[in-house]
Amino acid sequence: MGNEEKFCLSVCEGYFAKSIETDDEDVFMDAYLSGYKELNKFFQLMGKVFGFVSSDVKSKVEILEEFRTKDSREHFSSFQKMIAHEKDNGLLEKKDYVSGCRTLLRLHRGLDFIREFLRQLGTLNPDDKTGTCCQNAYNATLANFHPWLIRKGVSVAVYGLPTRDNLLDKVCQDKEAAVERLPTTLDILQKVYDRTQAMYTAHDLHGLP
C-alpha cells in the first residue's frame, strides 16, 4: 500500500483547523468534509473492524458534498447556515427530505469516537495493545447509538487490533510525526467538536432520528 493512501494527521488537522477559522463560533462545511475524508482513511486502513464506520462516513460525506453542488449550496456553506435554512423552512419535519442536519449529526458522533480513541492511543506505550482503548472509546461514544448486534461485533473485533506502534505503522504515513503531532490535532478536533455540539444543543437537534 502506497503512502499516498495512508492517513496523514497533519493534513487532517489542517483541514479541521481551517473549518473553524471564523470568529462567530461557526464551522465551514467544505473544510470539515475534507478533514473528515482524510480522517476516514484511518477507519479504512484499520480493516474490517471498522468497515461499517468507514462506509457510513463515506455515504454521509457524499450527501453533504452533494448539497454543496446544488442551487441552494450557499445555505450549506457552514453549519449555522445549514441549521437556519433547514429549521426556517420546516425541512427537518419533511418526510421525503434527506436532512443535512441529521446527516451531520452522524458525522459529529463519529468524530467524538475517533477523537476519544486517538486521545487514549496517545497515552499508550509503543508495545501496548490498542484493543482495550478502542473498546473504551467506542463504549463512551458510538455504542450509545448502535444496536446490540453492532456493539457485539465491535467488542469481538477490537481484540484483534495490534500494538500502538504496529497500528500507527499500518495507518499513518509517518508514525513518529503522528505521535508528535497528536496533542495539537486533538486540540483542534476538540474545538470543532465543541462548536458543533454547542450548535446542536442551542437548537435542540441532538435527538434527530
N, C-alpha and C. Protein backbone atom coordinates (compact mmCIF):
# COMPACT_ATOMS: atom_id res chain seq x y z
N MET A 1 0.85 -1.19 0.00
CA MET A 1 0.00 0.00 0.00
C MET A 1 0.88 1.24 0.00
N GLY A 2 0.67 2.15 -0.93
CA GLY A 2 1.50 3.33 -1.06
C GLY A 2 1.18 4.37 -0.01
N ASN A 3 2.17 5.23 0.27
CA ASN A 3 1.98 6.26 1.27
C ASN A 3 0.84 7.20 0.94
N GLU A 4 0.58 7.40 -0.36
CA GLU A 4 -0.46 8.34 -0.74
C GLU A 4 -1.84 7.90 -0.27
N GLU A 5 -1.98 6.63 0.05
CA GLU A 5 -3.27 6.12 0.50
C GLU A 5 -3.39 6.14 2.02
N LYS A 6 -2.29 6.40 2.70
CA LYS A 6 -2.31 6.34 4.16
C LYS A 6 -2.86 7.63 4.78
N PHE A 7 -3.15 7.53 6.06
CA PHE A 7 -3.71 8.63 6.83
C PHE A 7 -2.61 9.59 7.25
N CYS A 8 -2.84 10.89 7.06
CA CYS A 8 -1.85 11.90 7.45
C CYS A 8 -2.49 12.82 8.49
N LEU A 9 -1.97 12.76 9.70
CA LEU A 9 -2.54 13.52 10.81
C LEU A 9 -2.45 15.02 10.58
N SER A 10 -1.32 15.49 10.02
CA SER A 10 -1.16 16.93 9.82
C SER A 10 -2.10 17.47 8.74
N VAL A 11 -2.36 16.67 7.71
CA VAL A 11 -3.33 17.08 6.68
C VAL A 11 -4.73 17.17 7.28
N CYS A 12 -5.08 16.16 8.06
CA CYS A 12 -6.37 16.13 8.75
C CYS A 12 -6.52 17.35 9.65
N GLU A 13 -5.49 17.61 10.45
CA GLU A 13 -5.52 18.76 11.36
C GLU A 13 -5.67 20.08 10.61
N GLY A 14 -4.97 20.20 9.48
CA GLY A 14 -5.03 21.43 8.69
C GLY A 14 -6.43 21.74 8.21
N TYR A 15 -7.12 20.73 7.69
CA TYR A 15 -8.49 20.93 7.21
C TYR A 15 -9.43 21.32 8.35
N PHE A 16 -9.35 20.60 9.46
CA PHE A 16 -10.25 20.89 10.57
C PHE A 16 -9.94 22.27 11.18
N ALA A 17 -8.67 22.65 11.21
CA ALA A 17 -8.31 23.98 11.70
C ALA A 17 -8.92 25.05 10.79
N LYS A 18 -8.87 24.82 9.50
CA LYS A 18 -9.44 25.77 8.54
C LYS A 18 -10.96 25.87 8.70
N SER A 19 -11.58 24.78 9.13
CA SER A 19 -13.05 24.77 9.26
C SER A 19 -13.53 25.70 10.37
N ILE A 20 -12.66 26.04 11.31
CA ILE A 20 -13.09 26.92 12.41
C ILE A 20 -12.37 28.27 12.37
N GLU A 21 -11.86 28.66 11.20
CA GLU A 21 -11.22 29.96 11.04
C GLU A 21 -12.26 31.05 10.87
N THR A 22 -13.08 31.23 11.87
CA THR A 22 -14.13 32.25 11.88
C THR A 22 -14.37 32.65 13.33
N ASP A 23 -14.74 33.90 13.54
CA ASP A 23 -14.91 34.42 14.89
C ASP A 23 -16.31 34.23 15.46
N ASP A 24 -17.22 33.65 14.68
CA ASP A 24 -18.62 33.58 15.13
C ASP A 24 -19.03 32.17 15.57
N GLU A 25 -18.06 31.37 15.99
CA GLU A 25 -18.34 30.03 16.52
C GLU A 25 -19.03 29.12 15.51
N ASP A 26 -18.83 29.40 14.23
CA ASP A 26 -19.39 28.58 13.17
C ASP A 26 -18.35 27.56 12.72
N VAL A 27 -18.75 26.64 11.83
CA VAL A 27 -17.84 25.67 11.23
C VAL A 27 -18.09 25.65 9.73
N PHE A 28 -17.04 25.81 8.94
CA PHE A 28 -17.19 25.81 7.48
C PHE A 28 -17.31 24.38 6.96
N MET A 29 -18.31 24.16 6.13
CA MET A 29 -18.64 22.81 5.68
C MET A 29 -17.54 22.18 4.82
N ASP A 30 -17.04 22.88 3.82
CA ASP A 30 -16.10 22.26 2.87
C ASP A 30 -14.83 21.76 3.56
N ALA A 31 -14.26 22.60 4.43
CA ALA A 31 -13.02 22.21 5.13
C ALA A 31 -13.29 21.05 6.08
N TYR A 32 -14.45 21.07 6.74
CA TYR A 32 -14.83 19.99 7.65
C TYR A 32 -14.92 18.67 6.90
N LEU A 33 -15.58 18.68 5.75
CA LEU A 33 -15.73 17.45 4.97
C LEU A 33 -14.38 16.96 4.43
N SER A 34 -13.51 17.88 4.04
CA SER A 34 -12.18 17.49 3.58
C SER A 34 -11.40 16.84 4.72
N GLY A 35 -11.50 17.42 5.91
CA GLY A 35 -10.84 16.83 7.07
C GLY A 35 -11.39 15.46 7.38
N TYR A 36 -12.70 15.32 7.23
CA TYR A 36 -13.33 14.04 7.55
C TYR A 36 -12.94 12.96 6.54
N LYS A 37 -12.77 13.35 5.28
CA LYS A 37 -12.36 12.36 4.27
C LYS A 37 -10.95 11.86 4.56
N GLU A 38 -10.09 12.74 5.04
CA GLU A 38 -8.75 12.32 5.45
C GLU A 38 -8.85 11.42 6.68
N LEU A 39 -9.68 11.82 7.62
CA LEU A 39 -9.87 11.03 8.84
C LEU A 39 -10.42 9.64 8.53
N ASN A 40 -11.25 9.56 7.51
CA ASN A 40 -11.86 8.27 7.17
C ASN A 40 -10.83 7.26 6.66
N LYS A 41 -9.69 7.75 6.17
CA LYS A 41 -8.63 6.82 5.77
C LYS A 41 -8.18 6.00 6.98
N PHE A 42 -8.23 6.62 8.16
CA PHE A 42 -7.85 5.92 9.39
C PHE A 42 -8.76 4.71 9.60
N PHE A 43 -10.08 4.94 9.46
CA PHE A 43 -11.04 3.84 9.61
C PHE A 43 -10.82 2.77 8.55
N GLN A 44 -10.64 3.19 7.31
CA GLN A 44 -10.50 2.25 6.21
C GLN A 44 -9.26 1.37 6.39
N LEU A 45 -8.17 1.99 6.83
CA LEU A 45 -6.91 1.26 6.97
C LEU A 45 -6.90 0.34 8.18
N MET A 46 -7.83 0.54 9.09
CA MET A 46 -7.93 -0.37 10.24
C MET A 46 -8.55 -1.70 9.84
N GLY A 47 -9.09 -1.75 8.63
CA GLY A 47 -9.63 -3.01 8.13
C GLY A 47 -11.07 -3.25 8.52
N LYS A 48 -11.47 -4.50 8.49
CA LYS A 48 -12.88 -4.85 8.65
C LYS A 48 -13.45 -4.51 10.02
N VAL A 49 -12.57 -4.30 11.01
CA VAL A 49 -13.04 -3.94 12.35
C VAL A 49 -13.98 -2.73 12.29
N PHE A 50 -13.59 -1.74 11.50
CA PHE A 50 -14.40 -0.53 11.40
C PHE A 50 -14.87 -0.27 9.97
N GLY A 51 -15.07 -1.35 9.24
CA GLY A 51 -15.61 -1.21 7.90
C GLY A 51 -16.98 -0.56 7.89
N PHE A 52 -17.79 -0.89 8.88
CA PHE A 52 -19.14 -0.31 8.96
C PHE A 52 -19.07 1.19 9.22
N VAL A 53 -18.05 1.63 9.96
CA VAL A 53 -17.89 3.06 10.23
C VAL A 53 -17.44 3.78 8.97
N SER A 54 -16.44 3.24 8.28
CA SER A 54 -15.90 3.93 7.11
C SER A 54 -16.93 4.03 5.99
N SER A 55 -17.74 3.00 5.79
CA SER A 55 -18.76 3.07 4.73
C SER A 55 -19.85 4.06 5.09
N ASP A 56 -20.20 4.13 6.37
CA ASP A 56 -21.22 5.07 6.81
C ASP A 56 -20.71 6.51 6.69
N VAL A 57 -19.46 6.73 7.08
CA VAL A 57 -18.86 8.05 6.96
C VAL A 57 -18.83 8.49 5.50
N LYS A 58 -18.41 7.59 4.62
CA LYS A 58 -18.33 7.91 3.20
C LYS A 58 -19.68 8.35 2.65
N SER A 59 -20.74 7.63 2.99
CA SER A 59 -22.07 7.97 2.47
C SER A 59 -22.56 9.31 3.02
N LYS A 60 -22.27 9.58 4.30
CA LYS A 60 -22.72 10.84 4.91
C LYS A 60 -21.96 12.03 4.32
N VAL A 61 -20.66 11.87 4.11
CA VAL A 61 -19.87 12.93 3.49
C VAL A 61 -20.38 13.23 2.09
N GLU A 62 -20.69 12.19 1.33
CA GLU A 62 -21.19 12.37 -0.04
C GLU A 62 -22.52 13.11 -0.07
N ILE A 63 -23.39 12.83 0.90
CA ILE A 63 -24.68 13.54 0.97
C ILE A 63 -24.45 15.03 1.17
N LEU A 64 -23.57 15.38 2.10
CA LEU A 64 -23.32 16.80 2.38
C LEU A 64 -22.57 17.47 1.24
N GLU A 65 -21.68 16.73 0.58
CA GLU A 65 -20.99 17.29 -0.59
C GLU A 65 -21.97 17.58 -1.71
N GLU A 66 -22.98 16.73 -1.85
CA GLU A 66 -23.98 16.95 -2.90
C GLU A 66 -24.78 18.22 -2.63
N PHE A 67 -25.09 18.49 -1.38
CA PHE A 67 -25.77 19.75 -1.04
C PHE A 67 -24.95 20.95 -1.50
N ARG A 68 -23.64 20.82 -1.47
CA ARG A 68 -22.76 21.93 -1.85
C ARG A 68 -22.65 22.11 -3.36
N THR A 69 -23.30 21.24 -4.13
CA THR A 69 -23.28 21.38 -5.60
C THR A 69 -24.61 21.89 -6.14
N LYS A 70 -25.62 21.98 -5.29
CA LYS A 70 -26.96 22.35 -5.75
C LYS A 70 -27.15 23.86 -5.73
N ASP A 71 -28.30 24.31 -6.26
CA ASP A 71 -28.60 25.74 -6.29
C ASP A 71 -28.63 26.35 -4.90
N SER A 72 -28.97 25.52 -3.93
CA SER A 72 -29.06 26.01 -2.54
C SER A 72 -27.73 25.88 -1.80
N ARG A 73 -26.62 25.73 -2.55
CA ARG A 73 -25.35 25.38 -1.92
C ARG A 73 -24.89 26.40 -0.87
N GLU A 74 -25.23 27.69 -1.05
CA GLU A 74 -24.79 28.69 -0.08
C GLU A 74 -25.40 28.47 1.29
N HIS A 75 -26.58 27.85 1.31
CA HIS A 75 -27.23 27.54 2.60
C HIS A 75 -26.47 26.44 3.35
N PHE A 76 -25.56 25.76 2.67
CA PHE A 76 -24.81 24.66 3.28
C PHE A 76 -23.31 24.95 3.34
N SER A 77 -22.96 26.24 3.28
CA SER A 77 -21.54 26.61 3.33
C SER A 77 -20.99 26.55 4.75
N SER A 78 -21.87 26.59 5.74
CA SER A 78 -21.45 26.46 7.13
C SER A 78 -22.55 25.78 7.93
N PHE A 79 -22.19 25.32 9.12
CA PHE A 79 -23.17 24.60 9.94
C PHE A 79 -24.31 25.52 10.38
N GLN A 80 -23.98 26.74 10.78
CA GLN A 80 -25.03 27.66 11.24
C GLN A 80 -26.01 27.97 10.12
N LYS A 81 -25.49 28.18 8.91
CA LYS A 81 -26.36 28.48 7.77
C LYS A 81 -27.26 27.29 7.45
N MET A 82 -26.71 26.09 7.51
CA MET A 82 -27.49 24.89 7.22
C MET A 82 -28.60 24.69 8.24
N ILE A 83 -28.27 24.84 9.51
CA ILE A 83 -29.28 24.68 10.56
C ILE A 83 -30.40 25.70 10.40
N ALA A 84 -30.02 26.95 10.17
CA ALA A 84 -31.03 28.00 9.99
C ALA A 84 -31.91 27.71 8.78
N HIS A 85 -31.32 27.31 7.68
CA HIS A 85 -32.06 27.02 6.44
C HIS A 85 -33.06 25.90 6.64
N GLU A 86 -32.61 24.80 7.24
CA GLU A 86 -33.49 23.64 7.39
C GLU A 86 -34.57 23.88 8.44
N LYS A 87 -34.24 24.61 9.50
CA LYS A 87 -35.25 24.91 10.53
C LYS A 87 -36.27 25.93 10.02
N ASP A 88 -35.78 26.99 9.41
CA ASP A 88 -36.68 28.07 8.96
C ASP A 88 -37.64 27.62 7.87
N ASN A 89 -37.24 26.60 7.10
CA ASN A 89 -38.07 26.12 6.00
C ASN A 89 -38.82 24.82 6.33
N GLY A 90 -38.81 24.43 7.59
CA GLY A 90 -39.54 23.24 8.01
C GLY A 90 -39.04 21.95 7.39
N LEU A 91 -37.76 21.93 6.99
CA LEU A 91 -37.24 20.76 6.27
C LEU A 91 -36.95 19.59 7.18
N LEU A 92 -36.75 19.85 8.47
CA LEU A 92 -36.43 18.77 9.40
C LEU A 92 -37.63 17.84 9.63
N GLU A 93 -38.83 18.36 9.36
CA GLU A 93 -40.04 17.54 9.52
C GLU A 93 -40.53 16.96 8.20
N LYS A 94 -39.88 17.33 7.11
CA LYS A 94 -40.32 16.89 5.79
C LYS A 94 -39.93 15.43 5.57
N LYS A 95 -40.91 14.59 5.25
CA LYS A 95 -40.71 13.13 5.20
C LYS A 95 -39.76 12.69 4.08
N ASP A 96 -39.86 13.31 2.91
CA ASP A 96 -39.08 12.84 1.76
C ASP A 96 -37.79 13.64 1.57
N TYR A 97 -37.36 14.33 2.63
CA TYR A 97 -36.18 15.18 2.54
C TYR A 97 -35.02 14.56 3.32
N VAL A 98 -33.87 14.45 2.66
CA VAL A 98 -32.66 13.97 3.35
C VAL A 98 -32.02 15.17 4.03
N SER A 99 -32.07 15.19 5.34
CA SER A 99 -31.65 16.36 6.11
C SER A 99 -30.15 16.46 6.27
N GLY A 100 -29.62 17.64 5.98
CA GLY A 100 -28.20 17.89 6.21
C GLY A 100 -27.88 17.87 7.69
N CYS A 101 -28.77 18.42 8.52
CA CYS A 101 -28.55 18.44 9.96
C CYS A 101 -28.50 17.03 10.53
N ARG A 102 -29.38 16.18 10.08
CA ARG A 102 -29.41 14.79 10.55
C ARG A 102 -28.16 14.04 10.08
N THR A 103 -27.77 14.29 8.83
CA THR A 103 -26.58 13.65 8.28
C THR A 103 -25.32 14.08 9.04
N LEU A 104 -25.20 15.37 9.30
CA LEU A 104 -24.04 15.89 10.02
C LEU A 104 -23.98 15.35 11.44
N LEU A 105 -25.14 15.15 12.06
CA LEU A 105 -25.17 14.62 13.43
C LEU A 105 -24.46 13.28 13.51
N ARG A 106 -24.62 12.44 12.48
CA ARG A 106 -23.95 11.13 12.46
C ARG A 106 -22.44 11.30 12.37
N LEU A 107 -21.98 12.26 11.57
CA LEU A 107 -20.54 12.52 11.47
C LEU A 107 -20.01 13.09 12.79
N HIS A 108 -20.80 13.93 13.39
CA HIS A 108 -20.43 14.54 14.67
C HIS A 108 -20.21 13.47 15.74
N ARG A 109 -21.09 12.49 15.78
CA ARG A 109 -20.94 11.39 16.75
C ARG A 109 -19.71 10.56 16.43
N GLY A 110 -19.44 10.34 15.16
CA GLY A 110 -18.25 9.60 14.76
C GLY A 110 -16.98 10.33 15.14
N LEU A 111 -17.00 11.67 15.02
CA LEU A 111 -15.83 12.46 15.39
C LEU A 111 -15.55 12.33 16.89
N ASP A 112 -16.60 12.23 17.67
CA ASP A 112 -16.44 12.04 19.12
C ASP A 112 -15.69 10.74 19.39
N PHE A 113 -16.04 9.69 18.66
CA PHE A 113 -15.36 8.40 18.85
C PHE A 113 -13.89 8.47 18.46
N ILE A 114 -13.61 8.94 17.25
CA ILE A 114 -12.23 8.92 16.78
C ILE A 114 -11.36 9.85 17.61
N ARG A 115 -11.93 10.96 18.07
CA ARG A 115 -11.21 11.89 18.94
C ARG A 115 -10.82 11.21 20.26
N GLU A 116 -11.77 10.48 20.84
CA GLU A 116 -11.51 9.79 22.10
C GLU A 116 -10.54 8.62 21.90
N PHE A 117 -10.68 7.92 20.79
CA PHE A 117 -9.76 6.81 20.51
C PHE A 117 -8.33 7.32 20.34
N LEU A 118 -8.16 8.38 19.57
CA LEU A 118 -6.83 8.95 19.37
C LEU A 118 -6.25 9.48 20.68
N ARG A 119 -7.10 10.07 21.51
CA ARG A 119 -6.64 10.56 22.81
C ARG A 119 -6.09 9.41 23.66
N GLN A 120 -6.84 8.32 23.72
CA GLN A 120 -6.39 7.18 24.52
C GLN A 120 -5.17 6.51 23.88
N LEU A 121 -5.12 6.52 22.55
CA LEU A 121 -3.98 5.95 21.84
C LEU A 121 -2.70 6.67 22.23
N GLY A 122 -2.81 7.98 22.41
CA GLY A 122 -1.66 8.79 22.76
C GLY A 122 -1.11 8.51 24.16
N THR A 123 -1.88 7.83 25.00
CA THR A 123 -1.42 7.51 26.36
C THR A 123 -0.72 6.15 26.44
N LEU A 124 -0.76 5.40 25.33
CA LEU A 124 -0.20 4.04 25.34
C LEU A 124 1.31 4.05 25.11
N ASN A 125 1.97 3.00 25.59
CA ASN A 125 3.36 2.74 25.24
C ASN A 125 3.41 2.08 23.87
N PRO A 126 4.56 2.14 23.19
CA PRO A 126 4.66 1.59 21.83
C PRO A 126 4.19 0.14 21.69
N ASP A 127 4.44 -0.69 22.71
CA ASP A 127 4.10 -2.11 22.62
C ASP A 127 2.76 -2.47 23.25
N ASP A 128 2.02 -1.48 23.74
CA ASP A 128 0.70 -1.74 24.34
C ASP A 128 -0.31 -2.08 23.26
N LYS A 129 -1.20 -3.02 23.55
CA LYS A 129 -2.29 -3.36 22.63
C LYS A 129 -3.30 -2.23 22.58
N THR A 130 -3.93 -2.05 21.42
CA THR A 130 -4.86 -0.93 21.24
C THR A 130 -6.32 -1.34 21.41
N GLY A 131 -6.58 -2.63 21.55
CA GLY A 131 -7.96 -3.11 21.59
C GLY A 131 -8.77 -2.54 22.74
N THR A 132 -8.18 -2.52 23.94
CA THR A 132 -8.92 -2.06 25.11
C THR A 132 -9.27 -0.58 25.01
N CYS A 133 -8.33 0.25 24.59
CA CYS A 133 -8.63 1.69 24.49
C CYS A 133 -9.63 1.95 23.38
N CYS A 134 -9.59 1.15 22.32
CA CYS A 134 -10.57 1.30 21.25
C CYS A 134 -11.96 0.93 21.77
N GLN A 135 -12.05 -0.16 22.52
CA GLN A 135 -13.33 -0.58 23.10
C GLN A 135 -13.86 0.48 24.07
N ASN A 136 -12.98 1.02 24.90
CA ASN A 136 -13.39 2.03 25.86
C ASN A 136 -13.90 3.30 25.17
N ALA A 137 -13.18 3.69 24.11
CA ALA A 137 -13.60 4.88 23.36
C ALA A 137 -14.95 4.64 22.69
N TYR A 138 -15.12 3.46 22.14
CA TYR A 138 -16.39 3.11 21.48
C TYR A 138 -17.53 3.09 22.49
N ASN A 139 -17.30 2.46 23.64
CA ASN A 139 -18.34 2.36 24.67
C ASN A 139 -18.80 3.74 25.16
N ALA A 140 -17.86 4.67 25.20
CA ALA A 140 -18.17 6.00 25.71
C ALA A 140 -18.84 6.90 24.67
N THR A 141 -18.85 6.47 23.41
CA THR A 141 -19.35 7.35 22.35
C THR A 141 -20.36 6.64 21.45
N LEU A 142 -19.89 6.03 20.38
CA LEU A 142 -20.79 5.47 19.36
C LEU A 142 -21.70 4.35 19.87
N ALA A 143 -21.24 3.61 20.86
CA ALA A 143 -22.05 2.49 21.37
C ALA A 143 -23.42 2.96 21.87
N ASN A 144 -23.49 4.22 22.29
CA ASN A 144 -24.76 4.76 22.78
C ASN A 144 -25.82 4.88 21.69
N PHE A 145 -25.40 4.79 20.44
CA PHE A 145 -26.33 5.00 19.32
C PHE A 145 -26.46 3.77 18.42
N HIS A 146 -25.74 2.69 18.76
CA HIS A 146 -25.75 1.50 17.91
C HIS A 146 -26.59 0.38 18.52
N PRO A 147 -27.23 -0.43 17.67
CA PRO A 147 -27.97 -1.59 18.17
C PRO A 147 -27.03 -2.65 18.74
N TRP A 148 -27.60 -3.58 19.46
CA TRP A 148 -26.81 -4.61 20.16
C TRP A 148 -25.91 -5.39 19.21
N LEU A 149 -26.40 -5.71 18.04
CA LEU A 149 -25.63 -6.55 17.11
C LEU A 149 -24.32 -5.88 16.71
N ILE A 150 -24.37 -4.60 16.43
CA ILE A 150 -23.14 -3.88 16.06
C ILE A 150 -22.22 -3.77 17.28
N ARG A 151 -22.78 -3.48 18.43
CA ARG A 151 -21.96 -3.37 19.64
C ARG A 151 -21.23 -4.68 19.92
N LYS A 152 -21.94 -5.78 19.75
CA LYS A 152 -21.35 -7.09 19.98
C LYS A 152 -20.23 -7.37 18.97
N GLY A 153 -20.48 -7.01 17.71
CA GLY A 153 -19.47 -7.22 16.67
C GLY A 153 -18.20 -6.43 16.93
N VAL A 154 -18.36 -5.21 17.41
CA VAL A 154 -17.19 -4.39 17.72
C VAL A 154 -16.40 -4.99 18.88
N SER A 155 -17.11 -5.43 19.92
CA SER A 155 -16.42 -5.98 21.09
C SER A 155 -15.61 -7.22 20.75
N VAL A 156 -16.06 -7.99 19.77
CA VAL A 156 -15.31 -9.17 19.33
C VAL A 156 -14.12 -8.75 18.46
N ALA A 157 -14.35 -7.79 17.56
CA ALA A 157 -13.34 -7.43 16.58
C ALA A 157 -12.16 -6.65 17.16
N VAL A 158 -12.41 -5.80 18.15
CA VAL A 158 -11.33 -4.92 18.61
C VAL A 158 -10.17 -5.68 19.24
N TYR A 159 -10.42 -6.87 19.74
CA TYR A 159 -9.34 -7.61 20.39
C TYR A 159 -8.32 -8.14 19.38
N GLY A 160 -8.63 -8.02 18.11
CA GLY A 160 -7.67 -8.38 17.08
C GLY A 160 -6.77 -7.22 16.68
N LEU A 161 -6.99 -6.04 17.29
CA LEU A 161 -6.18 -4.88 16.94
C LEU A 161 -4.74 -5.06 17.45
N PRO A 162 -3.77 -4.52 16.73
CA PRO A 162 -2.36 -4.71 17.09
C PRO A 162 -1.90 -3.75 18.18
N THR A 163 -0.59 -3.73 18.42
CA THR A 163 0.00 -2.78 19.36
C THR A 163 -0.09 -1.37 18.80
N ARG A 164 0.18 -0.39 19.67
CA ARG A 164 0.10 1.00 19.23
C ARG A 164 1.00 1.28 18.03
N ASP A 165 2.27 0.87 18.12
CA ASP A 165 3.20 1.16 17.03
C ASP A 165 2.84 0.40 15.76
N ASN A 166 2.40 -0.84 15.89
CA ASN A 166 2.01 -1.60 14.70
C ASN A 166 0.80 -0.98 14.03
N LEU A 167 -0.14 -0.47 14.83
CA LEU A 167 -1.31 0.20 14.26
C LEU A 167 -0.91 1.47 13.53
N LEU A 168 -0.06 2.26 14.17
CA LEU A 168 0.37 3.52 13.55
C LEU A 168 1.19 3.27 12.29
N ASP A 169 2.00 2.21 12.30
CA ASP A 169 2.75 1.84 11.09
C ASP A 169 1.80 1.49 9.95
N LYS A 170 0.71 0.86 10.30
CA LYS A 170 -0.25 0.41 9.28
C LYS A 170 -1.04 1.55 8.67
N VAL A 171 -1.43 2.52 9.51
CA VAL A 171 -2.37 3.53 9.02
C VAL A 171 -1.74 4.88 8.70
N CYS A 172 -0.57 5.20 9.26
CA CYS A 172 -0.01 6.54 9.13
C CYS A 172 1.13 6.60 8.12
N GLN A 173 1.26 7.75 7.48
CA GLN A 173 2.39 7.99 6.58
C GLN A 173 3.70 8.01 7.36
N ASP A 174 3.67 8.64 8.54
CA ASP A 174 4.88 8.82 9.34
C ASP A 174 4.51 8.65 10.80
N LYS A 175 4.85 7.51 11.37
CA LYS A 175 4.46 7.18 12.75
C LYS A 175 5.00 8.19 13.75
N GLU A 176 6.30 8.51 13.65
CA GLU A 176 6.90 9.41 14.62
C GLU A 176 6.27 10.80 14.54
N ALA A 177 6.03 11.26 13.32
CA ALA A 177 5.41 12.58 13.14
C ALA A 177 3.99 12.59 13.70
N ALA A 178 3.29 11.47 13.53
CA ALA A 178 1.92 11.38 14.03
C ALA A 178 1.88 11.46 15.55
N VAL A 179 2.78 10.74 16.22
CA VAL A 179 2.83 10.75 17.69
C VAL A 179 3.14 12.15 18.19
N GLU A 180 4.07 12.82 17.51
CA GLU A 180 4.46 14.17 17.92
C GLU A 180 3.34 15.18 17.69
N ARG A 181 2.58 14.97 16.63
CA ARG A 181 1.55 15.92 16.23
C ARG A 181 0.22 15.71 16.96
N LEU A 182 0.06 14.55 17.55
CA LEU A 182 -1.23 14.15 18.10
C LEU A 182 -1.84 15.16 19.09
N PRO A 183 -1.10 15.69 20.07
CA PRO A 183 -1.72 16.62 21.02
C PRO A 183 -2.33 17.86 20.35
N THR A 184 -1.62 18.41 19.36
CA THR A 184 -2.14 19.58 18.66
C THR A 184 -3.38 19.24 17.86
N THR A 185 -3.35 18.09 17.20
CA THR A 185 -4.51 17.65 16.42
C THR A 185 -5.72 17.44 17.32
N LEU A 186 -5.50 16.81 18.46
CA LEU A 186 -6.58 16.57 19.41
C LEU A 186 -7.20 17.88 19.89
N ASP A 187 -6.38 18.89 20.06
CA ASP A 187 -6.89 20.19 20.48
C ASP A 187 -7.81 20.79 19.42
N ILE A 188 -7.41 20.67 18.16
CA ILE A 188 -8.24 21.18 17.06
C ILE A 188 -9.55 20.39 16.96
N LEU A 189 -9.45 19.07 17.02
CA LEU A 189 -10.66 18.24 16.93
C LEU A 189 -11.62 18.54 18.08
N GLN A 190 -11.07 18.81 19.26
CA GLN A 190 -11.91 19.16 20.41
C GLN A 190 -12.67 20.46 20.15
N LYS A 191 -11.99 21.45 19.57
CA LYS A 191 -12.63 22.73 19.29
C LYS A 191 -13.74 22.58 18.25
N VAL A 192 -13.48 21.78 17.22
CA VAL A 192 -14.50 21.53 16.19
C VAL A 192 -15.70 20.80 16.80
N TYR A 193 -15.40 19.80 17.61
CA TYR A 193 -16.47 19.04 18.25
C TYR A 193 -17.29 19.94 19.17
N ASP A 194 -16.64 20.75 19.98
CA ASP A 194 -17.34 21.61 20.93
C ASP A 194 -18.23 22.64 20.23
N ARG A 195 -17.73 23.21 19.15
CA ARG A 195 -18.56 24.17 18.40
C ARG A 195 -19.82 23.50 17.84
N THR A 196 -19.63 22.33 17.26
CA THR A 196 -20.76 21.61 16.67
C THR A 196 -21.74 21.21 17.77
N GLN A 197 -21.21 20.69 18.86
CA GLN A 197 -22.04 20.28 19.99
C GLN A 197 -22.87 21.46 20.51
N ALA A 198 -22.24 22.61 20.62
CA ALA A 198 -22.94 23.80 21.13
C ALA A 198 -24.08 24.22 20.19
N MET A 199 -23.85 24.13 18.90
CA MET A 199 -24.91 24.49 17.93
C MET A 199 -26.09 23.53 18.03
N TYR A 200 -25.79 22.25 18.09
CA TYR A 200 -26.87 21.26 18.17
C TYR A 200 -27.62 21.37 19.50
N THR A 201 -26.92 21.73 20.56
CA THR A 201 -27.58 21.93 21.85
C THR A 201 -28.47 23.17 21.81
N ALA A 202 -27.94 24.26 21.26
CA ALA A 202 -28.70 25.51 21.19
C ALA A 202 -29.99 25.36 20.39
N HIS A 203 -29.97 24.52 19.37
CA HIS A 203 -31.14 24.34 18.50
C HIS A 203 -31.92 23.05 18.82
N ASP A 204 -31.51 22.36 19.90
CA ASP A 204 -32.19 21.15 20.35
C ASP A 204 -32.29 20.11 19.23
N LEU A 205 -31.14 19.80 18.63
CA LEU A 205 -31.10 18.89 17.48
C LEU A 205 -30.44 17.55 17.77
N HIS A 206 -30.03 17.32 19.01
CA HIS A 206 -29.34 16.06 19.32
C HIS A 206 -30.25 14.84 19.16
N GLY A 207 -31.54 15.04 19.25
CA GLY A 207 -32.47 13.92 19.18
C GLY A 207 -33.00 13.62 17.80
N LEU A 208 -32.40 14.23 16.76
CA LEU A 208 -32.88 13.95 15.40
C LEU A 208 -32.80 12.44 15.12
N PRO A 209 -33.89 11.83 14.68
CA PRO A 209 -33.90 10.37 14.46
C PRO A 209 -33.09 9.97 13.24
